[in-house]
Amino acid sequence: MVGMEAYVILSAVLFVLGAMGVMMRRNAILVFMSVELMLNAANLALVAFSRQWSGVDGQVFVFFVITVAAAEVAVGLALIVTIFRTKQSINIDVLHQMEG
């Protein structure tokens, strides 16, 4: 049986990888994928702690996080498609030219 520490460590590693992806990437789709990775890392930690304390509160909260993530993907991809149609690029540096 795998201990809770393994799940928490895996969750922390996934969250750090997602945070690094958000900070280092220039492609908008990869940034959204990194945000999703961070949300899934938080979900893993919530489920691990919920299982440790024999409660369902963390698992119920995971469903809300998944719902928010699905809405974020739908809105984010719609924005990316619209920006790509106007700018012909999804590079984040190009989006800074839209200011002012």
N, C-alpha and C. Protein backbone atom coordinates (compact mmCIF):
# COMPACT_ATOMS: atom_id res chain seq x y z
N MET A 1 0.84 -1.18 0.00
CA MET A 1 0.00 0.00 0.00
C MET A 1 0.89 1.25 0.00
N VAL A 2 0.56 2.18 -0.83
CA VAL A 2 1.33 3.41 -0.96
C VAL A 2 0.87 4.39 0.11
N GLY A 3 1.84 5.00 0.79
CA GLY A 3 1.52 5.95 1.85
C GLY A 3 1.10 7.30 1.28
N MET A 4 0.53 8.10 2.16
CA MET A 4 0.06 9.42 1.74
C MET A 4 1.22 10.31 1.33
N GLU A 5 2.39 10.10 1.91
CA GLU A 5 3.54 10.93 1.59
C GLU A 5 3.90 10.85 0.11
N ALA A 6 3.77 9.68 -0.48
CA ALA A 6 4.08 9.51 -1.90
C ALA A 6 3.14 10.33 -2.77
N TYR A 7 1.86 10.35 -2.40
CA TYR A 7 0.89 11.13 -3.17
C TYR A 7 1.16 12.63 -3.05
N VAL A 8 1.51 13.06 -1.86
CA VAL A 8 1.78 14.48 -1.63
C VAL A 8 3.05 14.90 -2.36
N ILE A 9 4.07 14.05 -2.34
CA ILE A 9 5.30 14.37 -3.06
C ILE A 9 5.05 14.42 -4.56
N LEU A 10 4.29 13.46 -5.08
CA LEU A 10 3.94 13.47 -6.50
C LEU A 10 3.15 14.72 -6.84
N SER A 11 2.23 15.08 -5.98
CA SER A 11 1.44 16.28 -6.19
C SER A 11 2.32 17.53 -6.23
N ALA A 12 3.27 17.61 -5.31
CA ALA A 12 4.18 18.76 -5.28
C ALA A 12 5.05 18.82 -6.53
N VAL A 13 5.55 17.67 -6.97
CA VAL A 13 6.37 17.63 -8.18
C VAL A 13 5.56 18.08 -9.40
N LEU A 14 4.34 17.58 -9.52
CA LEU A 14 3.49 17.97 -10.65
C LEU A 14 3.16 19.46 -10.61
N PHE A 15 2.92 19.98 -9.42
CA PHE A 15 2.61 21.40 -9.29
C PHE A 15 3.81 22.26 -9.68
N VAL A 16 4.99 21.87 -9.25
CA VAL A 16 6.20 22.63 -9.60
C VAL A 16 6.45 22.57 -11.11
N LEU A 17 6.26 21.40 -11.71
CA LEU A 17 6.43 21.29 -13.17
C LEU A 17 5.43 22.19 -13.90
N GLY A 18 4.20 22.23 -13.42
CA GLY A 18 3.20 23.10 -14.02
C GLY A 18 3.55 24.57 -13.86
N ALA A 19 4.02 24.94 -12.67
CA ALA A 19 4.41 26.33 -12.44
C ALA A 19 5.59 26.72 -13.32
N MET A 20 6.54 25.82 -13.50
CA MET A 20 7.67 26.11 -14.38
C MET A 20 7.19 26.26 -15.82
N GLY A 21 6.23 25.44 -16.22
CA GLY A 21 5.68 25.55 -17.57
C GLY A 21 4.98 26.88 -17.81
N VAL A 22 4.27 27.36 -16.79
CA VAL A 22 3.59 28.66 -16.93
C VAL A 22 4.60 29.79 -17.05
N MET A 23 5.66 29.71 -16.27
CA MET A 23 6.64 30.81 -16.26
C MET A 23 7.58 30.79 -17.46
N MET A 24 7.86 29.62 -18.02
CA MET A 24 8.89 29.54 -19.05
C MET A 24 8.36 29.45 -20.47
N ARG A 25 7.15 29.04 -20.67
CA ARG A 25 6.64 28.81 -22.01
C ARG A 25 6.16 30.09 -22.66
N ARG A 26 6.23 30.14 -23.97
CA ARG A 26 5.74 31.27 -24.74
C ARG A 26 4.50 30.91 -25.56
N ASN A 27 4.21 29.64 -25.66
CA ASN A 27 3.07 29.17 -26.42
C ASN A 27 1.84 29.14 -25.49
N ALA A 28 0.76 29.76 -25.92
CA ALA A 28 -0.43 29.87 -25.08
C ALA A 28 -1.05 28.51 -24.76
N ILE A 29 -1.01 27.59 -25.69
CA ILE A 29 -1.59 26.27 -25.45
C ILE A 29 -0.79 25.54 -24.39
N LEU A 30 0.53 25.64 -24.43
CA LEU A 30 1.35 24.99 -23.42
C LEU A 30 1.16 25.63 -22.04
N VAL A 31 0.90 26.92 -22.01
CA VAL A 31 0.61 27.58 -20.73
C VAL A 31 -0.69 27.05 -20.15
N PHE A 32 -1.71 26.88 -21.00
CA PHE A 32 -2.98 26.32 -20.51
C PHE A 32 -2.79 24.88 -20.04
N MET A 33 -1.98 24.10 -20.74
CA MET A 33 -1.71 22.73 -20.31
C MET A 33 -0.99 22.72 -18.96
N SER A 34 -0.11 23.67 -18.74
CA SER A 34 0.60 23.76 -17.46
C SER A 34 -0.35 24.14 -16.33
N VAL A 35 -1.29 25.02 -16.60
CA VAL A 35 -2.29 25.38 -15.59
C VAL A 35 -3.15 24.16 -15.25
N GLU A 36 -3.50 23.39 -16.25
CA GLU A 36 -4.27 22.17 -16.00
C GLU A 36 -3.47 21.18 -15.16
N LEU A 37 -2.17 21.10 -15.42
CA LEU A 37 -1.32 20.22 -14.62
C LEU A 37 -1.29 20.67 -13.16
N MET A 38 -1.24 21.97 -12.94
CA MET A 38 -1.26 22.49 -11.58
C MET A 38 -2.59 22.19 -10.89
N LEU A 39 -3.69 22.33 -11.61
CA LEU A 39 -5.00 22.02 -11.02
C LEU A 39 -5.11 20.53 -10.68
N ASN A 40 -4.59 19.67 -11.55
CA ASN A 40 -4.64 18.24 -11.28
C ASN A 40 -3.73 17.86 -10.11
N ALA A 41 -2.62 18.57 -9.94
CA ALA A 41 -1.76 18.33 -8.78
C ALA A 41 -2.50 18.68 -7.49
N ALA A 42 -3.23 19.78 -7.51
CA ALA A 42 -4.03 20.16 -6.33
C ALA A 42 -5.12 19.12 -6.08
N ASN A 43 -5.73 18.62 -7.14
CA ASN A 43 -6.75 17.58 -6.98
C ASN A 43 -6.17 16.32 -6.34
N LEU A 44 -4.99 15.93 -6.78
CA LEU A 44 -4.34 14.75 -6.21
C LEU A 44 -4.08 14.93 -4.72
N ALA A 45 -3.62 16.11 -4.33
CA ALA A 45 -3.38 16.37 -2.91
C ALA A 45 -4.69 16.36 -2.12
N LEU A 46 -5.74 16.94 -2.68
CA LEU A 46 -7.04 16.94 -2.00
C LEU A 46 -7.55 15.53 -1.77
N VAL A 47 -7.45 14.69 -2.79
CA VAL A 47 -7.92 13.31 -2.65
C VAL A 47 -7.06 12.53 -1.66
N ALA A 48 -5.75 12.76 -1.68
CA ALA A 48 -4.87 12.07 -0.74
C ALA A 48 -5.19 12.43 0.70
N PHE A 49 -5.37 13.73 0.97
CA PHE A 49 -5.70 14.15 2.33
C PHE A 49 -7.11 13.68 2.73
N SER A 50 -8.02 13.68 1.79
CA SER A 50 -9.37 13.21 2.08
C SER A 50 -9.36 11.73 2.44
N ARG A 51 -8.55 10.97 1.72
CA ARG A 51 -8.46 9.54 2.02
C ARG A 51 -7.78 9.31 3.37
N GLN A 52 -6.77 10.10 3.67
CA GLN A 52 -6.05 9.95 4.94
C GLN A 52 -6.97 10.18 6.13
N TRP A 53 -7.83 11.17 6.04
CA TRP A 53 -8.71 11.52 7.15
C TRP A 53 -10.09 10.90 7.04
N SER A 54 -10.26 9.98 6.11
CA SER A 54 -11.52 9.23 5.92
C SER A 54 -12.73 10.14 5.77
N GLY A 55 -12.58 11.18 5.00
CA GLY A 55 -13.68 12.08 4.73
C GLY A 55 -13.92 12.18 3.23
N VAL A 56 -15.03 12.79 2.89
CA VAL A 56 -15.33 12.96 1.47
C VAL A 56 -15.30 14.43 1.06
N ASP A 57 -14.96 15.31 1.99
CA ASP A 57 -14.96 16.74 1.69
C ASP A 57 -13.98 17.08 0.57
N GLY A 58 -12.77 16.53 0.64
CA GLY A 58 -11.78 16.80 -0.39
C GLY A 58 -12.19 16.26 -1.74
N GLN A 59 -12.82 15.10 -1.75
CA GLN A 59 -13.26 14.50 -3.00
C GLN A 59 -14.40 15.29 -3.63
N VAL A 60 -15.28 15.83 -2.81
CA VAL A 60 -16.35 16.67 -3.33
C VAL A 60 -15.78 17.96 -3.91
N PHE A 61 -14.80 18.52 -3.22
CA PHE A 61 -14.17 19.75 -3.70
C PHE A 61 -13.46 19.52 -5.03
N VAL A 62 -12.94 18.31 -5.25
CA VAL A 62 -12.27 17.98 -6.51
C VAL A 62 -13.24 18.12 -7.67
N PHE A 63 -14.49 17.76 -7.49
CA PHE A 63 -15.46 17.90 -8.57
C PHE A 63 -15.66 19.36 -8.95
N PHE A 64 -15.63 20.25 -7.98
CA PHE A 64 -15.73 21.68 -8.29
C PHE A 64 -14.50 22.17 -9.04
N VAL A 65 -13.32 21.69 -8.64
CA VAL A 65 -12.09 22.09 -9.33
C VAL A 65 -12.10 21.58 -10.76
N ILE A 66 -12.57 20.36 -10.98
CA ILE A 66 -12.65 19.82 -12.34
C ILE A 66 -13.63 20.63 -13.18
N THR A 67 -14.73 21.08 -12.59
CA THR A 67 -15.70 21.90 -13.31
C THR A 67 -15.08 23.24 -13.71
N VAL A 68 -14.36 23.86 -12.79
CA VAL A 68 -13.68 25.12 -13.10
C VAL A 68 -12.64 24.91 -14.19
N ALA A 69 -11.90 23.80 -14.12
CA ALA A 69 -10.89 23.51 -15.13
C ALA A 69 -11.51 23.32 -16.51
N ALA A 70 -12.66 22.66 -16.56
CA ALA A 70 -13.33 22.46 -17.85
C ALA A 70 -13.81 23.79 -18.43
N ALA A 71 -14.33 24.66 -17.58
CA ALA A 71 -14.76 25.98 -18.05
C ALA A 71 -13.56 26.80 -18.50
N GLU A 72 -12.46 26.69 -17.78
CA GLU A 72 -11.24 27.42 -18.16
C GLU A 72 -10.73 26.97 -19.51
N VAL A 73 -10.77 25.68 -19.77
CA VAL A 73 -10.32 25.16 -21.06
C VAL A 73 -11.23 25.65 -22.18
N ALA A 74 -12.52 25.62 -21.96
CA ALA A 74 -13.45 26.05 -23.00
C ALA A 74 -13.26 27.52 -23.35
N VAL A 75 -13.18 28.36 -22.34
CA VAL A 75 -13.01 29.80 -22.59
C VAL A 75 -11.61 30.08 -23.12
N GLY A 76 -10.60 29.44 -22.55
CA GLY A 76 -9.22 29.67 -22.98
C GLY A 76 -8.98 29.26 -24.41
N LEU A 77 -9.49 28.10 -24.81
CA LEU A 77 -9.29 27.67 -26.19
C LEU A 77 -10.06 28.56 -27.17
N ALA A 78 -11.22 29.03 -26.77
CA ALA A 78 -11.96 29.96 -27.63
C ALA A 78 -11.17 31.25 -27.82
N LEU A 79 -10.57 31.74 -26.75
CA LEU A 79 -9.73 32.94 -26.86
C LEU A 79 -8.50 32.69 -27.74
N ILE A 80 -7.88 31.54 -27.57
CA ILE A 80 -6.70 31.22 -28.38
C ILE A 80 -7.05 31.14 -29.86
N VAL A 81 -8.16 30.51 -30.19
CA VAL A 81 -8.57 30.41 -31.59
C VAL A 81 -8.86 31.79 -32.17
N THR A 82 -9.52 32.64 -31.39
CA THR A 82 -9.82 34.00 -31.86
C THR A 82 -8.55 34.82 -32.06
N ILE A 83 -7.63 34.71 -31.13
CA ILE A 83 -6.36 35.45 -31.25
C ILE A 83 -5.55 34.92 -32.42
N PHE A 84 -5.56 33.60 -32.62
CA PHE A 84 -4.81 33.04 -33.75
C PHE A 84 -5.38 33.52 -35.08
N ARG A 85 -6.69 33.66 -35.16
CA ARG A 85 -7.30 34.14 -36.41
C ARG A 85 -6.91 35.57 -36.73
N THR A 86 -6.71 36.39 -35.70
CA THR A 86 -6.36 37.79 -35.95
C THR A 86 -4.87 38.01 -36.07
N LYS A 87 -4.07 37.34 -35.24
CA LYS A 87 -2.62 37.58 -35.21
C LYS A 87 -1.80 36.53 -35.97
N GLN A 88 -2.40 35.40 -36.32
CA GLN A 88 -1.72 34.28 -36.98
C GLN A 88 -0.58 33.72 -36.12
N SER A 89 -0.68 33.86 -34.81
CA SER A 89 0.32 33.33 -33.88
C SER A 89 -0.32 33.17 -32.51
N ILE A 90 0.16 32.18 -31.76
CA ILE A 90 -0.29 32.02 -30.39
C ILE A 90 0.87 32.23 -29.42
N ASN A 91 1.90 32.91 -29.90
CA ASN A 91 3.04 33.26 -29.07
C ASN A 91 2.61 34.37 -28.10
N ILE A 92 2.90 34.18 -26.83
CA ILE A 92 2.47 35.13 -25.81
C ILE A 92 3.14 36.49 -26.00
N ASP A 93 4.38 36.50 -26.50
CA ASP A 93 5.07 37.77 -26.71
C ASP A 93 4.36 38.62 -27.76
N VAL A 94 3.73 38.00 -28.74
CA VAL A 94 2.98 38.74 -29.76
C VAL A 94 1.75 39.38 -29.14
N LEU A 95 1.18 38.77 -28.12
CA LEU A 95 -0.02 39.32 -27.48
C LEU A 95 0.27 40.62 -26.76
N HIS A 96 1.50 40.85 -26.34
CA HIS A 96 1.84 42.10 -25.68
C HIS A 96 1.76 43.28 -26.64
N GLN A 97 1.80 43.02 -27.93
CA GLN A 97 1.67 44.09 -28.91
C GLN A 97 0.25 44.62 -28.98
N MET A 98 -0.70 43.89 -28.41
CA MET A 98 -2.10 44.31 -28.44
C MET A 98 -2.37 45.39 -27.41
N GLU A 99 -1.45 45.62 -26.48
CA GLU A 99 -1.67 46.63 -25.45
C GLU A 99 -1.60 48.02 -26.05
N GLY A 100 -2.37 48.94 -25.45
CA GLY A 100 -2.32 50.36 -25.81
C GLY A 100 -2.76 50.59 -27.16
